[in-house]
């Protein structure tokens, strides 16, 4: 069973859950929007949509792939099958048809995607390396008994650090967060929050800035850290709940002496800075 034109009209998640099809064909409008200029948000939507369909138990077909850019975007989204003029035009299949019809463009685009993906991975590692090193130094100081503010003093000065905080064994933020001075950090937590509130570009997010007492047990970066103690974890990019930006979270779990449950040190970084 196949569900066609997913993402438009009646072909939606309700039908997906009711029918549990073998194949889900994404409407061509999704790939067209994903390759538009400044369409980073649309590309993330496409990637997440494919992941959700996979979790629902279906394979994904992306139709309407007509350009190299669209083909690369399809591969990045982890679709299972592609269909479109970029690979081959519709034709009758018979004894005289070439056995590898459409396969050569697929081989070429896969090779190009591999090169792009490895280059992007190298850039991401290069960006994260100094932050990871500073984060591990902060974690070592915190484990040795230094307070959170002093432990993160060097880390918080780095340009794309948004905040540092500690979660207990229940995923609860047990202390005030450490904010960079550019966000109005001071030794007085109340003053820090007041200054931060005054500098929030989008005032709609003011009620969400102060996360002290929040519970982040549901976050993957907390659970991943707890699975492997003293191992640096880096989350996948996600939209921060405290502002209109994409971030990643560094996390590491430690177990205090004479205690059975770990605490997790976290650091939010602004992701994909334009000048990195």
C-alpha atoms as a PDB file:
ATOM      1  CA  UNK A   1       0.000   0.000   0.000  1.00  0.00           C
ATOM      2  CA  UNK A   2       1.239   3.499  -0.867  1.00  0.00           C
ATOM      3  CA  UNK A   3       0.034   6.906   0.320  1.00  0.00           C
ATOM      4  CA  UNK A   4       0.486   9.522  -2.411  1.00  0.00           C
ATOM      5  CA  UNK A   5       1.012  13.314  -2.240  1.00  0.00           C
ATOM      6  CA  UNK A   6       1.707  13.306   1.491  1.00  0.00           C
ATOM      7  CA  UNK A   7       1.711  16.829   2.909  1.00  0.00           C
ATOM      8  CA  UNK A   8      -1.248  18.148   0.921  1.00  0.00           C
ATOM      9  CA  UNK A   9      -5.018  17.790   1.100  1.00  0.00           C
ATOM     10  CA  UNK A  10      -6.256  14.633   2.813  1.00  0.00           C
ATOM     11  CA  UNK A  11      -2.873  12.899   2.639  1.00  0.00           C
ATOM     12  CA  UNK A  12      -1.780  13.692   6.185  1.00  0.00           C
ATOM     13  CA  UNK A  13      -0.727  12.145   9.482  1.00  0.00           C
ATOM     14  CA  UNK A  14      -4.253  11.020  10.305  1.00  0.00           C
ATOM     15  CA  UNK A  15      -4.310   8.880   7.157  1.00  0.00           C
ATOM     16  CA  UNK A  16      -0.764   7.706   7.828  1.00  0.00           C
ATOM     17  CA  UNK A  17      -1.683   6.414  11.281  1.00  0.00           C
ATOM     18  CA  UNK A  18      -4.960   4.871  10.080  1.00  0.00           C
ATOM     19  CA  UNK A  19      -3.524   3.061   7.061  1.00  0.00           C
ATOM     20  CA  UNK A  20       0.103   2.323   8.082  1.00  0.00           C
ATOM     21  CA  UNK A  21       1.154   2.208   4.398  1.00  0.00           C
ATOM     22  CA  UNK A  22       4.302   0.516   3.155  1.00  0.00           C
ATOM     23  CA  UNK A  23       5.286   3.593   1.150  1.00  0.00           C
ATOM     24  CA  UNK A  24       4.639   7.302   1.695  1.00  0.00           C
ATOM     25  CA  UNK A  25       5.207   9.564  -1.309  1.00  0.00           C
ATOM     26  CA  UNK A  26       5.990  13.144  -0.299  1.00  0.00           C
ATOM     27  CA  UNK A  27       4.363  15.822  -2.400  1.00  0.00           C
ATOM     28  CA  UNK A  28       6.773  17.614  -4.730  1.00  0.00           C
ATOM     29  CA  UNK A  29       5.964  20.966  -3.098  1.00  0.00           C
ATOM     30  CA  UNK A  30       8.002  19.889  -0.052  1.00  0.00           C
ATOM     31  CA  UNK A  31      11.257  19.559  -1.997  1.00  0.00           C
ATOM     32  CA  UNK A  32      10.518  22.714  -3.977  1.00  0.00           C
ATOM     33  CA  UNK A  33      10.157  24.756  -0.780  1.00  0.00           C
ATOM     34  CA  UNK A  34      13.187  23.106   0.813  1.00  0.00           C
ATOM     35  CA  UNK A  35      15.578  24.334  -1.903  1.00  0.00           C
ATOM     36  CA  UNK A  36      14.392  27.925  -1.982  1.00  0.00           C
ATOM     37  CA  UNK A  37      16.836  30.637  -0.923  1.00  0.00           C
ATOM     38  CA  UNK A  38      17.035  31.063   2.871  1.00  0.00           C
ATOM     39  CA  UNK A  39      14.928  27.924   3.365  1.00  0.00           C
ATOM     40  CA  UNK A  40      16.877  26.371   6.256  1.00  0.00           C
ATOM     41  CA  UNK A  41      13.667  26.026   8.250  1.00  0.00           C
ATOM     42  CA  UNK A  42      11.924  24.214   5.377  1.00  0.00           C
ATOM     43  CA  UNK A  43      14.848  21.793   5.068  1.00  0.00           C
ATOM     44  CA  UNK A  44      14.659  20.975   8.767  1.00  0.00           C
ATOM     45  CA  UNK A  45      10.913  20.379   8.397  1.00  0.00           C
ATOM     46  CA  UNK A  46      11.552  17.978   5.515  1.00  0.00           C
ATOM     47  CA  UNK A  47      14.238  16.091   7.467  1.00  0.00           C
ATOM     48  CA  UNK A  48      12.057  15.798  10.557  1.00  0.00           C
ATOM     49  CA  UNK A  49       9.038  14.772   8.488  1.00  0.00           C
ATOM     50  CA  UNK A  50      11.004  11.909   6.953  1.00  0.00           C
ATOM     51  CA  UNK A  51      12.155  10.826  10.421  1.00  0.00           C
ATOM     52  CA  UNK A  52       8.573  10.836  11.741  1.00  0.00           C
ATOM     53  CA  UNK A  53       7.311   8.756   8.819  1.00  0.00           C
ATOM     54  CA  UNK A  54      10.114   6.257   9.395  1.00  0.00           C
ATOM     55  CA  UNK A  55       9.134   6.029  13.067  1.00  0.00           C
ATOM     56  CA  UNK A  56       5.545   5.354  11.963  1.00  0.00           C
ATOM     57  CA  UNK A  57       6.833   2.302  10.085  1.00  0.00           C
ATOM     58  CA  UNK A  58       6.748   3.446   6.444  1.00  0.00           C
ATOM     59  CA  UNK A  59       9.356   3.960   3.746  1.00  0.00           C
ATOM     60  CA  UNK A  60       9.589   7.387   2.095  1.00  0.00           C
ATOM     61  CA  UNK A  61       9.507   8.251  -1.600  1.00  0.00           C
ATOM     62  CA  UNK A  62      10.366  11.824  -2.610  1.00  0.00           C
ATOM     63  CA  UNK A  63       8.841  12.754  -5.950  1.00  0.00           C
ATOM     64  CA  UNK A  64       9.523  15.703  -8.219  1.00  0.00           C
ATOM     65  CA  UNK A  65      13.338  15.646  -7.985  1.00  0.00           C
ATOM     66  CA  UNK A  66      14.392  17.590 -11.065  1.00  0.00           C
ATOM     67  CA  UNK A  67      17.679  19.348 -10.166  1.00  0.00           C
ATOM     68  CA  UNK A  68      20.995  18.481  -8.566  1.00  0.00           C
ATOM     69  CA  UNK A  69      20.198  20.741  -5.603  1.00  0.00           C
ATOM     70  CA  UNK A  70      16.935  18.896  -5.004  1.00  0.00           C
ATOM     71  CA  UNK A  71      18.672  15.518  -5.280  1.00  0.00           C
ATOM     72  CA  UNK A  72      21.308  16.525  -2.694  1.00  0.00           C
ATOM     73  CA  UNK A  73      18.569  17.817  -0.392  1.00  0.00           C
ATOM     74  CA  UNK A  74      16.697  14.517  -0.749  1.00  0.00           C
ATOM     75  CA  UNK A  75      19.764  12.525   0.248  1.00  0.00           C
ATOM     76  CA  UNK A  76      20.357  14.808   3.224  1.00  0.00           C
ATOM     77  CA  UNK A  77      16.754  14.193   4.330  1.00  0.00           C
ATOM     78  CA  UNK A  78      17.411  10.403   4.398  1.00  0.00           C
ATOM     79  CA  UNK A  79      14.571   9.453   2.041  1.00  0.00           C
ATOM     80  CA  UNK A  80      14.498   5.838   0.895  1.00  0.00           C
ATOM     81  CA  UNK A  81      13.535   6.339  -2.761  1.00  0.00           C
ATOM     82  CA  UNK A  82      13.648   9.237  -5.219  1.00  0.00           C
ATOM     83  CA  UNK A  83      11.657   9.889  -8.348  1.00  0.00           C
ATOM     84  CA  UNK A  84      12.048  12.646 -10.913  1.00  0.00           C
ATOM     85  CA  UNK A  85      13.441  13.930 -14.192  1.00  0.00           C
ATOM     86  CA  UNK A  86      16.902  14.464 -12.683  1.00  0.00           C
ATOM     87  CA  UNK A  87      17.450  10.713 -12.853  1.00  0.00           C
ATOM     88  CA  UNK A  88      15.468   9.738 -15.957  1.00  0.00           C
ATOM     89  CA  UNK A  89      12.471  10.694 -18.055  1.00  0.00           C
ATOM     90  CA  UNK A  90       9.425   8.416 -18.190  1.00  0.00           C
ATOM     91  CA  UNK A  91       9.906   5.742 -20.827  1.00  0.00           C
ATOM     92  CA  UNK A  92       8.601   2.358 -21.841  1.00  0.00           C
ATOM     93  CA  UNK A  93      10.668  -0.475 -20.423  1.00  0.00           C
ATOM     94  CA  UNK A  94      11.368  -3.295 -22.865  1.00  0.00           C
ATOM     95  CA  UNK A  95      14.085  -5.639 -24.120  1.00  0.00           C
ATOM     96  CA  UNK A  96      16.018  -2.702 -25.605  1.00  0.00           C
ATOM     97  CA  UNK A  97      15.959  -0.560 -22.446  1.00  0.00           C
ATOM     98  CA  UNK A  98      19.359   0.029 -20.835  1.00  0.00           C
ATOM     99  CA  UNK A  99      19.641  -2.065 -17.651  1.00  0.00           C
ATOM    100  CA  UNK A 100      21.047   0.856 -15.623  1.00  0.00           C
ATOM    101  CA  UNK A 101      18.519   3.499 -16.669  1.00  0.00           C
ATOM    102  CA  UNK A 102      18.772   6.371 -14.171  1.00  0.00           C
ATOM    103  CA  UNK A 103      21.488   4.727 -12.079  1.00  0.00           C
ATOM    104  CA  UNK A 104      24.439   6.772 -13.334  1.00  0.00           C
ATOM    105  CA  UNK A 105      22.976  10.117 -12.147  1.00  0.00           C
ATOM    106  CA  UNK A 106      22.242   8.423  -8.834  1.00  0.00           C
ATOM    107  CA  UNK A 107      25.843   7.235  -8.505  1.00  0.00           C
ATOM    108  CA  UNK A 108      27.166  10.700  -9.327  1.00  0.00           C
ATOM    109  CA  UNK A 109      24.894  12.544  -6.924  1.00  0.00           C
ATOM    110  CA  UNK A 110      25.631  10.038  -4.141  1.00  0.00           C
ATOM    111  CA  UNK A 111      29.357  10.630  -4.593  1.00  0.00           C
ATOM    112  CA  UNK A 112      28.861  14.399  -4.533  1.00  0.00           C
ATOM    113  CA  UNK A 113      26.673  14.167  -1.452  1.00  0.00           C
ATOM    114  CA  UNK A 114      29.342  12.098   0.316  1.00  0.00           C
ATOM    115  CA  UNK A 115      31.953  14.772  -0.393  1.00  0.00           C
ATOM    116  CA  UNK A 116      29.641  17.567   0.839  1.00  0.00           C
ATOM    117  CA  UNK A 117      28.626  15.631   3.953  1.00  0.00           C
ATOM    118  CA  UNK A 118      32.215  14.855   4.935  1.00  0.00           C
ATOM    119  CA  UNK A 119      33.217  18.488   4.405  1.00  0.00           C
ATOM    120  CA  UNK A 120      30.300  19.674   6.542  1.00  0.00           C
ATOM    121  CA  UNK A 121      31.180  17.146   9.242  1.00  0.00           C
ATOM    122  CA  UNK A 122      34.768  18.431   9.288  1.00  0.00           C
ATOM    123  CA  UNK A 123      33.545  22.022   9.646  1.00  0.00           C
ATOM    124  CA  UNK A 124      31.200  21.089  12.499  1.00  0.00           C
ATOM    125  CA  UNK A 125      33.960  19.237  14.332  1.00  0.00           C
ATOM    126  CA  UNK A 126      36.298  22.194  13.883  1.00  0.00           C
ATOM    127  CA  UNK A 127      33.668  24.561  15.286  1.00  0.00           C
ATOM    128  CA  UNK A 128      32.819  22.344  18.258  1.00  0.00           C
ATOM    129  CA  UNK A 129      36.368  21.299  19.232  1.00  0.00           C
ATOM    130  CA  UNK A 130      37.376  24.379  21.304  1.00  0.00           C
ATOM    131  CA  UNK A 131      33.961  24.471  22.975  1.00  0.00           C
ATOM    132  CA  UNK A 132      34.169  20.793  23.866  1.00  0.00           C
ATOM    133  CA  UNK A 133      37.636  21.234  25.365  1.00  0.00           C
ATOM    134  CA  UNK A 134      36.570  24.250  27.454  1.00  0.00           C
ATOM    135  CA  UNK A 135      33.418  22.403  28.522  1.00  0.00           C
ATOM    136  CA  UNK A 136      35.399  19.394  29.762  1.00  0.00           C
ATOM    137  CA  UNK A 137      37.688  21.684  31.758  1.00  0.00           C
ATOM    138  CA  UNK A 138      34.623  23.272  33.354  1.00  0.00           C
ATOM    139  CA  UNK A 139      33.230  19.818  34.170  1.00  0.00           C
ATOM    140  CA  UNK A 140      36.503  18.800  35.826  1.00  0.00           C
ATOM    141  CA  UNK A 141      36.511  21.925  38.012  1.00  0.00           C
ATOM    142  CA  UNK A 142      32.883  21.368  38.960  1.00  0.00           C
ATOM    143  CA  UNK A 143      33.580  17.755  39.920  1.00  0.00           C
ATOM    144  CA  UNK A 144      36.517  18.907  42.056  1.00  0.00           C
ATOM    145  CA  UNK A 145      34.156  21.056  44.114  1.00  0.00           C
ATOM    146  CA  UNK A 146      34.442  24.445  42.436  1.00  0.00           C
ATOM    147  CA  UNK A 147      31.173  26.372  42.182  1.00  0.00           C
ATOM    148  CA  UNK A 148      29.230  26.524  38.933  1.00  0.00           C
ATOM    149  CA  UNK A 149      30.026  30.183  38.160  1.00  0.00           C
ATOM    150  CA  UNK A 150      33.776  29.772  38.733  1.00  0.00           C
ATOM    151  CA  UNK A 151      33.880  26.430  36.929  1.00  0.00           C
ATOM    152  CA  UNK A 152      32.315  27.957  33.797  1.00  0.00           C
ATOM    153  CA  UNK A 153      34.139  31.319  33.972  1.00  0.00           C
ATOM    154  CA  UNK A 154      36.278  30.644  30.873  1.00  0.00           C
ATOM    155  CA  UNK A 155      33.615  28.733  28.960  1.00  0.00           C
ATOM    156  CA  UNK A 156      30.975  31.426  29.320  1.00  0.00           C
ATOM    157  CA  UNK A 157      33.284  33.989  27.680  1.00  0.00           C
ATOM    158  CA  UNK A 158      33.380  32.083  24.390  1.00  0.00           C
ATOM    159  CA  UNK A 159      31.386  33.830  21.635  1.00  0.00           C
ATOM    160  CA  UNK A 160      28.531  31.378  20.957  1.00  0.00           C
ATOM    161  CA  UNK A 161      27.860  30.113  24.476  1.00  0.00           C
ATOM    162  CA  UNK A 162      24.281  30.913  25.513  1.00  0.00           C
ATOM    163  CA  UNK A 163      24.097  29.511  29.049  1.00  0.00           C
ATOM    164  CA  UNK A 164      25.497  26.872  31.417  1.00  0.00           C
ATOM    165  CA  UNK A 165      23.442  24.993  34.006  1.00  0.00           C
ATOM    166  CA  UNK A 166      23.304  21.814  36.104  1.00  0.00           C
ATOM    167  CA  UNK A 167      20.542  19.186  36.179  1.00  0.00           C
ATOM    168  CA  UNK A 168      20.096  16.720  39.022  1.00  0.00           C
ATOM    169  CA  UNK A 169      19.229  13.007  38.862  1.00  0.00           C
ATOM    170  CA  UNK A 170      15.586  13.873  38.165  1.00  0.00           C
ATOM    171  CA  UNK A 171      16.415  16.193  35.279  1.00  0.00           C
ATOM    172  CA  UNK A 172      15.655  19.316  37.348  1.00  0.00           C
ATOM    173  CA  UNK A 173      17.730  22.477  37.015  1.00  0.00           C
ATOM    174  CA  UNK A 174      19.013  22.782  40.570  1.00  0.00           C
ATOM    175  CA  UNK A 175      20.752  26.151  40.414  1.00  0.00           C
ATOM    176  CA  UNK A 176      20.577  29.417  38.537  1.00  0.00           C
ATOM    177  CA  UNK A 177      22.082  29.315  35.071  1.00  0.00           C
ATOM    178  CA  UNK A 178      25.349  31.032  34.215  1.00  0.00           C
ATOM    179  CA  UNK A 179      24.819  33.648  31.526  1.00  0.00           C
ATOM    180  CA  UNK A 180      27.447  35.501  29.475  1.00  0.00           C
ATOM    181  CA  UNK A 181      28.097  39.145  30.286  1.00  0.00           C
ATOM    182  CA  UNK A 182      26.759  40.130  26.870  1.00  0.00           C
ATOM    183  CA  UNK A 183      23.402  38.847  28.158  1.00  0.00           C
ATOM    184  CA  UNK A 184      23.630  40.841  31.365  1.00  0.00           C
ATOM    185  CA  UNK A 185      25.286  38.296  33.671  1.00  0.00           C
ATOM    186  CA  UNK A 186      26.265  39.536  37.119  1.00  0.00           C
ATOM    187  CA  UNK A 187      27.048  37.907  40.433  1.00  0.00           C
ATOM    188  CA  UNK A 188      23.488  38.651  41.551  1.00  0.00           C
ATOM    189  CA  UNK A 189      21.139  36.158  39.813  1.00  0.00           C
ATOM    190  CA  UNK A 190      18.156  38.494  40.113  1.00  0.00           C
ATOM    191  CA  UNK A 191      20.100  41.335  38.502  1.00  0.00           C
ATOM    192  CA  UNK A 192      21.300  38.968  35.780  1.00  0.00           C
ATOM    193  CA  UNK A 193      17.738  37.975  34.922  1.00  0.00           C
ATOM    194  CA  UNK A 194      16.552  41.601  34.904  1.00  0.00           C
ATOM    195  CA  UNK A 195      19.324  42.622  32.531  1.00  0.00           C
ATOM    196  CA  UNK A 196      18.733  39.623  30.327  1.00  0.00           C
ATOM    197  CA  UNK A 197      15.015  40.371  30.090  1.00  0.00           C
ATOM    198  CA  UNK A 198      15.793  43.898  28.943  1.00  0.00           C
ATOM    199  CA  UNK A 199      17.987  42.609  26.084  1.00  0.00           C
ATOM    200  CA  UNK A 200      15.750  39.887  24.688  1.00  0.00           C
ATOM    201  CA  UNK A 201      15.211  40.826  21.001  1.00  0.00           C
ATOM    202  CA  UNK A 202      11.799  39.155  20.819  1.00  0.00           C
ATOM    203  CA  UNK A 203       9.827  40.124  23.908  1.00  0.00           C
ATOM    204  CA  UNK A 204       7.461  37.175  23.445  1.00  0.00           C
ATOM    205  CA  UNK A 205      10.175  34.951  24.939  1.00  0.00           C
ATOM    206  CA  UNK A 206      10.668  36.975  28.133  1.00  0.00           C
ATOM    207  CA  UNK A 207       8.574  34.598  30.310  1.00  0.00           C
ATOM    208  CA  UNK A 208      10.748  31.658  29.181  1.00  0.00           C
ATOM    209  CA  UNK A 209      14.203  33.096  29.852  1.00  0.00           C
ATOM    210  CA  UNK A 210      14.542  32.074  33.488  1.00  0.00           C
ATOM    211  CA  UNK A 211      14.750  28.251  33.468  1.00  0.00           C
ATOM    212  CA  UNK A 212      15.734  27.729  37.105  1.00  0.00           C
ATOM    213  CA  UNK A 213      13.623  24.911  38.531  1.00  0.00           C
ATOM    214  CA  UNK A 214      12.712  23.601  35.091  1.00  0.00           C
ATOM    215  CA  UNK A 215      12.714  19.885  34.348  1.00  0.00           C
ATOM    216  CA  UNK A 216      14.625  18.689  31.268  1.00  0.00           C
ATOM    217  CA  UNK A 217      14.300  14.940  31.816  1.00  0.00           C
ATOM    218  CA  UNK A 218      12.584  14.666  28.419  1.00  0.00           C
ATOM    219  CA  UNK A 219      15.559  16.117  26.579  1.00  0.00           C
ATOM    220  CA  UNK A 220      17.796  13.688  24.674  1.00  0.00           C
ATOM    221  CA  UNK A 221      20.951  15.497  25.783  1.00  0.00           C
ATOM    222  CA  UNK A 222      20.116  14.701  29.420  1.00  0.00           C
ATOM    223  CA  UNK A 223      19.259  11.053  28.808  1.00  0.00           C
ATOM    224  CA  UNK A 224      22.230  10.472  26.493  1.00  0.00           C
ATOM    225  CA  UNK A 225      24.607  11.876  29.127  1.00  0.00           C
ATOM    226  CA  UNK A 226      23.145   9.664  31.856  1.00  0.00           C
ATOM    227  CA  UNK A 227      23.658   6.568  29.700  1.00  0.00           C
ATOM    228  CA  UNK A 228      27.444   7.080  29.638  1.00  0.00           C
ATOM    229  CA  UNK A 229      28.961   8.803  32.663  1.00  0.00           C
ATOM    230  CA  UNK A 230      31.870  11.202  32.081  1.00  0.00           C
ATOM    231  CA  UNK A 231      31.374  11.097  28.326  1.00  0.00           C
ATOM    232  CA  UNK A 232      30.867  14.343  26.406  1.00  0.00           C
ATOM    233  CA  UNK A 233      27.602  14.370  24.459  1.00  0.00           C
ATOM    234  CA  UNK A 234      26.534  16.826  21.759  1.00  0.00           C
ATOM    235  CA  UNK A 235      22.829  17.084  20.933  1.00  0.00           C
ATOM    236  CA  UNK A 236      21.429  17.413  17.452  1.00  0.00           C
ATOM    237  CA  UNK A 237      20.429  20.991  16.561  1.00  0.00           C
ATOM    238  CA  UNK A 238      17.039  22.050  17.925  1.00  0.00           C
ATOM    239  CA  UNK A 239      15.050  25.236  18.418  1.00  0.00           C
ATOM    240  CA  UNK A 240      15.613  26.672  21.864  1.00  0.00           C
ATOM    241  CA  UNK A 241      12.537  27.184  24.029  1.00  0.00           C
ATOM    242  CA  UNK A 242      14.091  30.370  25.463  1.00  0.00           C
ATOM    243  CA  UNK A 243      14.432  32.269  22.184  1.00  0.00           C
ATOM    244  CA  UNK A 244      14.020  32.218  18.443  1.00  0.00           C
ATOM    245  CA  UNK A 245      17.306  30.492  17.611  1.00  0.00           C
ATOM    246  CA  UNK A 246      18.757  27.075  16.839  1.00  0.00           C
ATOM    247  CA  UNK A 247      21.165  25.655  19.386  1.00  0.00           C
ATOM    248  CA  UNK A 248      23.014  22.492  20.362  1.00  0.00           C
ATOM    249  CA  UNK A 249      23.646  21.375  23.928  1.00  0.00           C
ATOM    250  CA  UNK A 250      26.882  19.940  25.291  1.00  0.00           C
ATOM    251  CA  UNK A 251      26.274  17.647  28.263  1.00  0.00           C
ATOM    252  CA  UNK A 252      28.228  15.374  30.567  1.00  0.00           C
ATOM    253  CA  UNK A 253      27.092  13.316  33.566  1.00  0.00           C
ATOM    254  CA  UNK A 254      29.076  12.916  36.777  1.00  0.00           C
ATOM    255  CA  UNK A 255      28.244  11.041  39.969  1.00  0.00           C
ATOM    256  CA  UNK A 256      29.063  12.973  43.140  1.00  0.00           C
ATOM    257  CA  UNK A 257      30.896  11.027  45.878  1.00  0.00           C
ATOM    258  CA  UNK A 258      28.599   8.962  48.120  1.00  0.00           C
ATOM    259  CA  UNK A 259      25.601   9.556  45.836  1.00  0.00           C
ATOM    260  CA  UNK A 260      23.953   7.053  43.497  1.00  0.00           C
ATOM    261  CA  UNK A 261      22.288   9.381  40.989  1.00  0.00           C
ATOM    262  CA  UNK A 262      24.310  11.573  38.600  1.00  0.00           C
ATOM    263  CA  UNK A 263      24.156  15.263  37.915  1.00  0.00           C
ATOM    264  CA  UNK A 264      24.508  16.597  34.382  1.00  0.00           C
ATOM    265  CA  UNK A 265      26.404  19.746  33.410  1.00  0.00           C
ATOM    266  CA  UNK A 266      24.936  21.376  30.279  1.00  0.00           C
ATOM    267  CA  UNK A 267      26.004  24.181  27.974  1.00  0.00           C
ATOM    268  CA  UNK A 268      23.810  25.627  25.190  1.00  0.00           C
ATOM    269  CA  UNK A 269      25.588  26.877  22.063  1.00  0.00           C
ATOM    270  CA  UNK A 270      24.180  28.990  19.271  1.00  0.00           C
ATOM    271  CA  UNK A 271      24.354  26.668  16.244  1.00  0.00           C
ATOM    272  CA  UNK A 272      25.592  27.426  12.733  1.00  0.00           C
ATOM    273  CA  UNK A 273      26.806  30.963  13.422  1.00  0.00           C
ATOM    274  CA  UNK A 274      26.958  32.898  10.156  1.00  0.00           C
ATOM    275  CA  UNK A 275      30.510  34.091  10.733  1.00  0.00           C
ATOM    276  CA  UNK A 276      32.045  30.792  11.818  1.00  0.00           C
END
